[in-house]
């Protein structure tokens, strides 16, 4: 019985999964993000009729020296810049309690990109770029930055 419960939990999670069309993870060696290092994700959509919800996730250690992380994000196509923003991600609350999930000294926080789901042109190639905007030349404690696009099916 003890072996069946974890297997059942995995089956339920997989069957209720998202319709993920892109999931890329960039890992920084020794949890060090250099200010010149750009996380770059290239995507060529295959179906443009269904909107896509874009999000990113940050995985950081509790040794990260700040409670926030400034990020510069942009999406470019062959036609130029399609989207750009600067976001201040609160990795911890004002009392220093870490936001996100994780039971060890590693926390993961998901952050949306944009205001909601968007449609992409299927005859286009898109490049998403993310850079850290902190003043440190080398930012210690950021282990991974991931990008995930989930296709949203309209209700029937």
N, C-alpha and C. Protein backbone atom coordinates (compact mmCIF):
# COMPACT_ATOMS: atom_id res chain seq x y z
N UNK A 1 0.82 -1.20 0.00
CA UNK A 1 0.00 0.00 0.00
C UNK A 1 0.86 1.26 0.00
N UNK A 2 2.02 1.23 0.72
CA UNK A 2 2.89 2.40 0.78
C UNK A 2 3.48 2.73 -0.58
N UNK A 3 3.71 1.74 -1.42
CA UNK A 3 4.28 1.98 -2.75
C UNK A 3 3.22 2.47 -3.73
N UNK A 4 1.97 2.13 -3.51
CA UNK A 4 0.89 2.51 -4.43
C UNK A 4 0.54 3.98 -4.29
N UNK A 5 0.55 4.54 -3.09
CA UNK A 5 0.16 5.94 -2.88
C UNK A 5 1.06 6.92 -3.63
N UNK A 6 2.39 6.82 -3.55
CA UNK A 6 3.21 7.74 -4.35
C UNK A 6 2.99 7.59 -5.85
N UNK A 7 2.81 6.36 -6.32
CA UNK A 7 2.56 6.13 -7.73
C UNK A 7 1.23 6.75 -8.15
N UNK A 8 0.22 6.63 -7.31
CA UNK A 8 -1.09 7.22 -7.59
C UNK A 8 -0.98 8.74 -7.64
N UNK A 9 -0.21 9.32 -6.75
CA UNK A 9 -0.03 10.77 -6.75
C UNK A 9 0.64 11.25 -8.04
N UNK A 10 1.64 10.53 -8.51
CA UNK A 10 2.32 10.89 -9.76
C UNK A 10 1.37 10.78 -10.94
N UNK A 11 0.57 9.72 -11.00
CA UNK A 11 -0.39 9.54 -12.08
C UNK A 11 -1.41 10.68 -12.09
N UNK A 12 -1.90 11.06 -10.91
CA UNK A 12 -2.87 12.15 -10.84
C UNK A 12 -2.25 13.47 -11.28
N UNK A 13 -1.02 13.74 -10.88
CA UNK A 13 -0.38 14.98 -11.29
C UNK A 13 -0.14 15.03 -12.79
N UNK A 14 0.28 13.94 -13.38
CA UNK A 14 0.52 13.90 -14.81
C UNK A 14 -0.78 14.03 -15.59
N UNK A 15 -1.83 13.36 -15.15
CA UNK A 15 -3.09 13.40 -15.89
C UNK A 15 -3.76 14.76 -15.79
N UNK A 16 -3.49 15.53 -14.74
CA UNK A 16 -4.07 16.85 -14.58
C UNK A 16 -3.10 17.94 -15.01
N UNK A 17 -2.10 17.56 -15.76
CA UNK A 17 -1.03 18.48 -16.11
C UNK A 17 -1.47 19.58 -17.06
N UNK A 18 -0.62 20.55 -17.16
CA UNK A 18 -0.83 21.68 -18.05
C UNK A 18 -0.51 21.28 -19.48
N UNK A 19 -0.97 22.08 -20.42
CA UNK A 19 -0.63 21.88 -21.82
C UNK A 19 0.60 22.75 -22.13
N UNK A 20 1.76 22.31 -21.64
CA UNK A 20 3.00 23.06 -21.76
C UNK A 20 3.58 22.88 -23.16
N UNK A 21 3.82 24.01 -23.84
CA UNK A 21 4.39 23.96 -25.19
C UNK A 21 5.85 24.39 -25.21
N UNK A 22 6.34 24.94 -24.10
CA UNK A 22 7.74 25.32 -23.97
C UNK A 22 8.11 25.28 -22.50
N UNK A 23 9.21 24.63 -22.19
CA UNK A 23 9.70 24.59 -20.81
C UNK A 23 11.22 24.48 -20.87
N UNK A 24 11.90 25.58 -20.61
CA UNK A 24 13.36 25.60 -20.67
C UNK A 24 13.92 26.11 -19.36
N UNK A 25 15.02 25.51 -18.95
CA UNK A 25 15.67 25.87 -17.69
C UNK A 25 17.12 26.24 -17.97
N UNK A 26 17.53 27.39 -17.43
CA UNK A 26 18.92 27.83 -17.54
C UNK A 26 19.52 27.76 -16.14
N UNK A 27 20.57 26.97 -15.97
CA UNK A 27 21.22 26.81 -14.68
C UNK A 27 22.52 27.58 -14.66
N UNK A 28 22.75 28.31 -13.57
CA UNK A 28 23.98 29.08 -13.40
C UNK A 28 24.97 28.27 -12.58
N UNK A 29 26.18 28.15 -13.08
CA UNK A 29 27.22 27.42 -12.38
C UNK A 29 27.53 28.06 -11.04
N UNK A 30 27.61 27.27 -10.00
CA UNK A 30 27.90 27.74 -8.63
C UNK A 30 26.90 28.79 -8.16
N UNK A 31 25.68 28.78 -8.71
CA UNK A 31 24.62 29.73 -8.33
C UNK A 31 25.10 31.18 -8.43
N UNK A 32 25.78 31.48 -9.53
CA UNK A 32 26.31 32.83 -9.76
C UNK A 32 25.83 33.34 -11.11
N UNK A 33 25.04 34.42 -11.08
CA UNK A 33 24.50 35.02 -12.29
C UNK A 33 25.28 36.30 -12.57
N UNK A 34 26.12 36.27 -13.59
CA UNK A 34 26.90 37.44 -13.97
C UNK A 34 25.99 38.45 -14.66
N UNK A 35 26.23 39.72 -14.44
CA UNK A 35 25.34 40.76 -14.99
C UNK A 35 25.32 40.78 -16.52
N UNK A 36 26.34 40.23 -17.18
CA UNK A 36 26.37 40.18 -18.64
C UNK A 36 25.75 38.90 -19.20
N UNK A 37 25.36 37.98 -18.33
CA UNK A 37 24.78 36.71 -18.76
C UNK A 37 23.30 36.88 -19.05
N UNK A 38 22.90 36.58 -20.27
CA UNK A 38 21.51 36.73 -20.70
C UNK A 38 20.88 35.34 -20.85
N UNK A 39 19.75 35.16 -20.18
CA UNK A 39 18.98 33.93 -20.38
C UNK A 39 18.20 34.14 -21.68
N UNK A 40 18.44 33.27 -22.66
CA UNK A 40 17.82 33.41 -23.97
C UNK A 40 17.04 32.15 -24.31
N UNK A 41 15.77 32.35 -24.69
CA UNK A 41 14.90 31.24 -25.08
C UNK A 41 14.32 31.58 -26.45
N UNK A 42 14.45 30.67 -27.39
CA UNK A 42 13.91 30.86 -28.74
C UNK A 42 12.71 29.95 -28.91
N UNK A 43 11.64 30.51 -29.49
CA UNK A 43 10.41 29.75 -29.65
C UNK A 43 9.78 30.04 -31.00
N UNK A 44 9.39 28.96 -31.70
CA UNK A 44 8.66 29.08 -32.95
C UNK A 44 7.33 28.36 -32.77
N UNK A 45 6.24 29.12 -32.54
CA UNK A 45 4.94 28.49 -32.28
C UNK A 45 4.43 27.70 -33.48
N UNK A 46 3.76 26.60 -33.18
CA UNK A 46 3.20 25.75 -34.24
C UNK A 46 1.71 26.00 -34.44
N UNK A 47 1.02 26.45 -33.39
CA UNK A 47 -0.42 26.72 -33.49
C UNK A 47 -0.69 28.09 -32.89
N UNK A 48 -1.08 29.05 -33.72
CA UNK A 48 -1.28 30.40 -33.23
C UNK A 48 -2.72 30.68 -32.84
N UNK A 49 -3.63 29.76 -33.11
CA UNK A 49 -5.04 30.04 -32.80
C UNK A 49 -5.34 29.97 -31.30
N UNK A 50 -4.54 29.22 -30.54
CA UNK A 50 -4.75 29.13 -29.10
C UNK A 50 -3.79 30.07 -28.38
N UNK A 51 -4.31 30.88 -27.43
CA UNK A 51 -3.43 31.79 -26.69
C UNK A 51 -2.47 31.03 -25.78
N UNK A 52 -1.40 31.71 -25.41
CA UNK A 52 -0.34 31.12 -24.58
C UNK A 52 -0.16 31.99 -23.35
N UNK A 53 -0.13 31.35 -22.18
CA UNK A 53 0.19 32.02 -20.93
C UNK A 53 1.67 31.83 -20.67
N UNK A 54 2.39 32.94 -20.51
CA UNK A 54 3.85 32.88 -20.33
C UNK A 54 4.19 33.11 -18.87
N UNK A 55 5.12 32.31 -18.37
CA UNK A 55 5.60 32.52 -17.01
C UNK A 55 7.07 32.14 -16.94
N UNK A 56 7.69 32.57 -15.87
CA UNK A 56 9.08 32.20 -15.62
C UNK A 56 9.17 31.79 -14.17
N UNK A 57 10.21 31.05 -13.84
CA UNK A 57 10.40 30.69 -12.45
C UNK A 57 11.86 30.91 -12.07
N UNK A 58 12.03 31.34 -10.85
CA UNK A 58 13.35 31.61 -10.30
C UNK A 58 13.58 30.60 -9.18
N UNK A 59 14.73 29.93 -9.22
CA UNK A 59 15.11 29.03 -8.13
C UNK A 59 16.35 29.63 -7.47
N UNK A 60 16.22 29.95 -6.18
CA UNK A 60 17.30 30.62 -5.47
C UNK A 60 17.53 29.96 -4.12
N UNK A 61 18.73 30.16 -3.59
CA UNK A 61 19.04 29.62 -2.27
C UNK A 61 18.67 30.66 -1.20
N UNK A 62 18.50 30.18 0.01
CA UNK A 62 18.20 31.08 1.12
C UNK A 62 19.44 31.87 1.53
N UNK A 63 20.56 31.63 0.85
CA UNK A 63 21.79 32.41 1.07
C UNK A 63 21.82 33.65 0.17
N UNK A 64 20.80 33.81 -0.69
CA UNK A 64 20.71 34.99 -1.55
C UNK A 64 20.72 36.23 -0.65
N UNK A 65 21.55 37.24 -0.95
CA UNK A 65 21.75 38.34 0.00
C UNK A 65 20.65 39.41 0.03
N UNK A 66 19.69 39.38 -0.89
CA UNK A 66 18.66 40.42 -0.94
C UNK A 66 17.28 39.80 -0.82
N UNK A 67 16.26 40.65 -0.65
CA UNK A 67 14.89 40.12 -0.61
C UNK A 67 14.18 40.32 -1.94
N UNK A 68 14.85 40.93 -2.93
CA UNK A 68 14.23 41.15 -4.23
C UNK A 68 15.23 40.87 -5.35
N UNK A 69 14.70 40.87 -6.57
CA UNK A 69 15.51 40.65 -7.76
C UNK A 69 14.91 41.46 -8.90
N UNK A 70 15.65 42.42 -9.43
CA UNK A 70 15.21 43.18 -10.60
C UNK A 70 15.58 42.41 -11.86
N UNK A 71 14.62 42.30 -12.77
CA UNK A 71 14.83 41.60 -14.04
C UNK A 71 14.41 42.49 -15.20
N UNK A 72 15.18 42.44 -16.28
CA UNK A 72 14.82 43.08 -17.54
C UNK A 72 14.42 41.96 -18.49
N UNK A 73 13.21 42.07 -19.06
CA UNK A 73 12.71 41.02 -19.96
C UNK A 73 12.28 41.65 -21.28
N UNK A 74 12.53 40.91 -22.36
CA UNK A 74 12.07 41.37 -23.68
C UNK A 74 11.76 40.17 -24.56
N UNK A 75 10.83 40.39 -25.48
CA UNK A 75 10.50 39.39 -26.49
C UNK A 75 10.66 40.08 -27.84
N UNK A 76 11.49 39.48 -28.70
CA UNK A 76 11.76 40.03 -30.02
C UNK A 76 11.32 39.04 -31.08
N UNK A 77 10.88 39.57 -32.21
CA UNK A 77 10.59 38.76 -33.39
C UNK A 77 11.42 39.32 -34.53
N UNK A 78 11.25 38.79 -35.73
CA UNK A 78 11.98 39.33 -36.87
C UNK A 78 11.50 40.74 -37.21
N UNK A 79 10.34 41.12 -36.66
CA UNK A 79 9.80 42.46 -36.90
C UNK A 79 10.26 43.47 -35.86
N UNK A 80 11.00 43.03 -34.86
CA UNK A 80 11.50 43.94 -33.83
C UNK A 80 11.05 43.53 -32.44
N UNK A 81 11.15 44.47 -31.50
CA UNK A 81 10.77 44.20 -30.11
C UNK A 81 9.25 44.15 -30.01
N UNK A 82 8.73 43.05 -29.48
CA UNK A 82 7.29 42.86 -29.33
C UNK A 82 6.82 43.20 -27.91
N UNK A 83 7.73 43.02 -26.93
CA UNK A 83 7.36 43.22 -25.53
C UNK A 83 8.63 43.49 -24.74
N UNK A 84 8.55 44.40 -23.79
CA UNK A 84 9.68 44.65 -22.90
C UNK A 84 9.15 45.15 -21.56
N UNK A 85 9.80 44.75 -20.48
CA UNK A 85 9.42 45.25 -19.17
C UNK A 85 10.58 45.09 -18.20
N UNK A 86 10.42 45.74 -17.06
CA UNK A 86 11.32 45.58 -15.93
C UNK A 86 10.44 45.15 -14.77
N UNK A 87 10.86 44.11 -14.07
CA UNK A 87 10.05 43.60 -12.98
C UNK A 87 10.91 43.48 -11.73
N UNK A 88 10.31 43.86 -10.60
CA UNK A 88 10.95 43.72 -9.30
C UNK A 88 10.30 42.52 -8.62
N UNK A 89 11.01 41.41 -8.55
CA UNK A 89 10.48 40.17 -7.99
C UNK A 89 10.80 40.14 -6.49
N UNK A 90 9.76 40.03 -5.66
CA UNK A 90 9.93 39.93 -4.22
C UNK A 90 10.23 38.47 -3.86
N UNK A 91 11.49 38.17 -3.60
CA UNK A 91 11.87 36.81 -3.22
C UNK A 91 11.59 36.54 -1.75
N UNK A 92 11.49 37.60 -0.95
CA UNK A 92 11.16 37.47 0.47
C UNK A 92 10.24 38.62 0.86
N UNK A 93 9.48 38.41 1.94
CA UNK A 93 8.61 39.47 2.43
C UNK A 93 9.43 40.46 3.26
N UNK A 94 8.82 41.57 3.71
CA UNK A 94 9.59 42.58 4.46
C UNK A 94 10.24 42.05 5.75
N UNK A 95 9.72 40.96 6.30
CA UNK A 95 10.31 40.39 7.51
C UNK A 95 11.40 39.37 7.20
N UNK A 96 11.66 39.12 5.92
CA UNK A 96 12.72 38.20 5.54
C UNK A 96 12.28 36.76 5.34
N UNK A 97 10.98 36.50 5.36
CA UNK A 97 10.46 35.15 5.11
C UNK A 97 10.44 34.93 3.60
N UNK A 98 11.07 33.85 3.16
CA UNK A 98 11.20 33.59 1.72
C UNK A 98 9.86 33.24 1.10
N UNK A 99 9.59 33.83 -0.07
CA UNK A 99 8.41 33.50 -0.87
C UNK A 99 8.74 32.29 -1.73
N UNK A 100 7.71 31.61 -2.22
CA UNK A 100 7.92 30.49 -3.11
C UNK A 100 7.80 29.16 -2.39
N UNK A 101 8.08 28.11 -3.12
CA UNK A 101 7.95 26.76 -2.57
C UNK A 101 9.32 26.12 -2.43
N UNK A 102 9.37 25.14 -1.57
CA UNK A 102 10.62 24.42 -1.34
C UNK A 102 10.82 24.21 0.15
N UNK A 103 11.25 23.03 0.49
CA UNK A 103 11.38 22.70 1.91
C UNK A 103 12.82 22.81 2.40
N UNK A 104 13.77 22.92 1.54
CA UNK A 104 15.16 23.00 1.95
C UNK A 104 15.63 24.45 1.84
N UNK A 105 16.90 24.64 1.61
CA UNK A 105 17.42 26.00 1.45
C UNK A 105 17.29 26.49 0.00
N UNK A 106 16.52 25.78 -0.81
CA UNK A 106 16.28 26.16 -2.20
C UNK A 106 14.79 26.48 -2.37
N UNK A 107 14.49 27.67 -2.87
CA UNK A 107 13.11 28.12 -3.05
C UNK A 107 12.85 28.38 -4.52
N UNK A 108 11.62 28.08 -4.96
CA UNK A 108 11.22 28.30 -6.35
C UNK A 108 10.01 29.23 -6.36
N UNK A 109 10.08 30.25 -7.18
CA UNK A 109 9.01 31.24 -7.27
C UNK A 109 8.61 31.40 -8.74
N UNK A 110 7.32 31.30 -9.02
CA UNK A 110 6.82 31.48 -10.39
C UNK A 110 6.31 32.90 -10.58
N UNK A 111 6.67 33.50 -11.72
CA UNK A 111 6.33 34.89 -12.02
C UNK A 111 5.72 34.94 -13.42
N UNK A 112 4.54 35.55 -13.57
CA UNK A 112 3.96 35.67 -14.91
C UNK A 112 4.75 36.65 -15.77
N UNK A 113 4.68 36.44 -17.07
CA UNK A 113 5.26 37.37 -18.04
C UNK A 113 4.08 38.00 -18.77
N UNK A 114 3.94 39.30 -18.68
CA UNK A 114 2.82 39.98 -19.32
C UNK A 114 1.59 39.99 -18.42
N UNK A 115 0.49 40.50 -18.97
CA UNK A 115 -0.74 40.67 -18.21
C UNK A 115 -1.72 39.51 -18.35
N UNK A 116 -1.46 38.57 -19.24
CA UNK A 116 -2.35 37.44 -19.46
C UNK A 116 -1.90 36.65 -20.67
N UNK A 117 -2.78 35.78 -21.13
CA UNK A 117 -2.46 34.95 -22.29
C UNK A 117 -2.42 35.80 -23.56
N UNK A 118 -1.51 35.45 -24.47
CA UNK A 118 -1.35 36.18 -25.74
C UNK A 118 -1.30 35.19 -26.89
N UNK A 119 -1.58 35.69 -28.08
CA UNK A 119 -1.47 34.87 -29.30
C UNK A 119 -0.20 35.27 -30.04
N UNK A 120 0.50 34.26 -30.52
CA UNK A 120 1.71 34.47 -31.31
C UNK A 120 1.43 34.11 -32.76
N UNK A 121 2.15 34.76 -33.68
CA UNK A 121 2.04 34.42 -35.09
C UNK A 121 2.80 33.12 -35.33
N UNK A 122 2.19 32.15 -36.03
CA UNK A 122 2.85 30.86 -36.21
C UNK A 122 3.90 30.86 -37.32
N UNK A 123 4.03 31.96 -38.04
CA UNK A 123 5.06 32.04 -39.07
C UNK A 123 6.24 32.88 -38.60
N UNK A 124 6.43 32.92 -37.30
CA UNK A 124 7.41 33.82 -36.70
C UNK A 124 8.32 33.06 -35.73
N UNK A 125 9.47 33.64 -35.51
CA UNK A 125 10.43 33.11 -34.53
C UNK A 125 10.61 34.18 -33.45
N UNK A 126 10.42 33.78 -32.19
CA UNK A 126 10.48 34.72 -31.07
C UNK A 126 11.67 34.39 -30.18
N UNK A 127 12.30 35.45 -29.66
CA UNK A 127 13.43 35.29 -28.75
C UNK A 127 13.10 36.05 -27.47
N UNK A 128 13.03 35.31 -26.37
CA UNK A 128 12.81 35.90 -25.05
C UNK A 128 14.16 36.04 -24.38
N UNK A 129 14.44 37.25 -23.86
CA UNK A 129 15.70 37.51 -23.18
C UNK A 129 15.42 38.02 -21.77
N UNK A 130 16.18 37.47 -20.81
CA UNK A 130 16.04 37.88 -19.41
C UNK A 130 17.44 38.17 -18.87
N UNK A 131 17.61 39.36 -18.30
CA UNK A 131 18.88 39.70 -17.65
C UNK A 131 18.59 40.20 -16.25
N UNK A 132 19.54 40.00 -15.36
CA UNK A 132 19.37 40.50 -14.00
C UNK A 132 19.73 41.97 -13.97
N UNK A 133 18.98 42.73 -13.20
CA UNK A 133 19.18 44.16 -13.13
C UNK A 133 19.69 44.64 -11.79
N UNK A 134 20.31 43.76 -11.04
CA UNK A 134 20.88 44.16 -9.76
C UNK A 134 22.23 44.83 -10.04
N UNK A 135 22.76 45.55 -9.08
CA UNK A 135 24.01 46.30 -9.30
C UNK A 135 25.25 45.45 -9.12
N UNK A 136 25.08 44.23 -8.64
CA UNK A 136 26.23 43.34 -8.44
C UNK A 136 26.73 42.82 -9.78
N UNK A 137 28.04 42.81 -9.97
CA UNK A 137 28.60 42.23 -11.18
C UNK A 137 28.30 40.74 -11.23
N UNK A 138 28.45 40.07 -10.09
CA UNK A 138 28.09 38.67 -9.98
C UNK A 138 27.06 38.56 -8.86
N UNK A 139 25.90 38.02 -9.19
CA UNK A 139 24.82 37.88 -8.23
C UNK A 139 24.84 36.46 -7.69
N UNK A 140 25.11 36.32 -6.40
CA UNK A 140 25.23 35.01 -5.77
C UNK A 140 23.87 34.54 -5.25
N UNK A 141 23.60 33.25 -5.38
CA UNK A 141 22.40 32.65 -4.79
C UNK A 141 21.28 32.35 -5.76
N UNK A 142 21.39 32.76 -7.02
CA UNK A 142 20.38 32.42 -8.02
C UNK A 142 20.88 31.17 -8.74
N UNK A 143 20.15 30.09 -8.60
CA UNK A 143 20.59 28.82 -9.19
C UNK A 143 20.07 28.62 -10.60
N UNK A 144 18.75 28.86 -10.81
CA UNK A 144 18.13 28.60 -12.12
C UNK A 144 17.14 29.69 -12.46
N UNK A 145 16.96 29.89 -13.76
CA UNK A 145 15.86 30.69 -14.30
C UNK A 145 15.21 29.83 -15.36
N UNK A 146 13.91 29.61 -15.23
CA UNK A 146 13.18 28.80 -16.18
C UNK A 146 12.09 29.61 -16.85
N UNK A 147 11.72 29.18 -18.04
CA UNK A 147 10.64 29.82 -18.80
C UNK A 147 9.67 28.72 -19.21
N UNK A 148 8.37 28.99 -19.01
CA UNK A 148 7.35 28.01 -19.36
C UNK A 148 6.20 28.71 -20.07
N UNK A 149 5.81 28.16 -21.22
CA UNK A 149 4.66 28.65 -21.97
C UNK A 149 3.60 27.55 -21.92
N UNK A 150 2.40 27.93 -21.52
CA UNK A 150 1.29 26.98 -21.43
C UNK A 150 0.20 27.42 -22.40
N UNK A 151 -0.17 26.51 -23.29
CA UNK A 151 -1.24 26.81 -24.25
C UNK A 151 -2.59 26.73 -23.53
N UNK A 152 -3.40 27.75 -23.73
CA UNK A 152 -4.70 27.84 -23.08
C UNK A 152 -5.76 27.49 -24.10
N UNK A 153 -6.46 26.41 -23.85
CA UNK A 153 -7.55 26.02 -24.75
C UNK A 153 -8.82 26.76 -24.36
N UNK A 154 -9.50 27.39 -25.33
CA UNK A 154 -10.75 28.07 -25.01
C UNK A 154 -11.82 27.07 -24.57
N UNK A 155 -12.71 27.51 -23.69
CA UNK A 155 -13.79 26.64 -23.22
C UNK A 155 -14.75 26.34 -24.36
N UNK A 156 -15.20 25.10 -24.39
CA UNK A 156 -16.15 24.69 -25.45
C UNK A 156 -17.53 25.22 -25.23
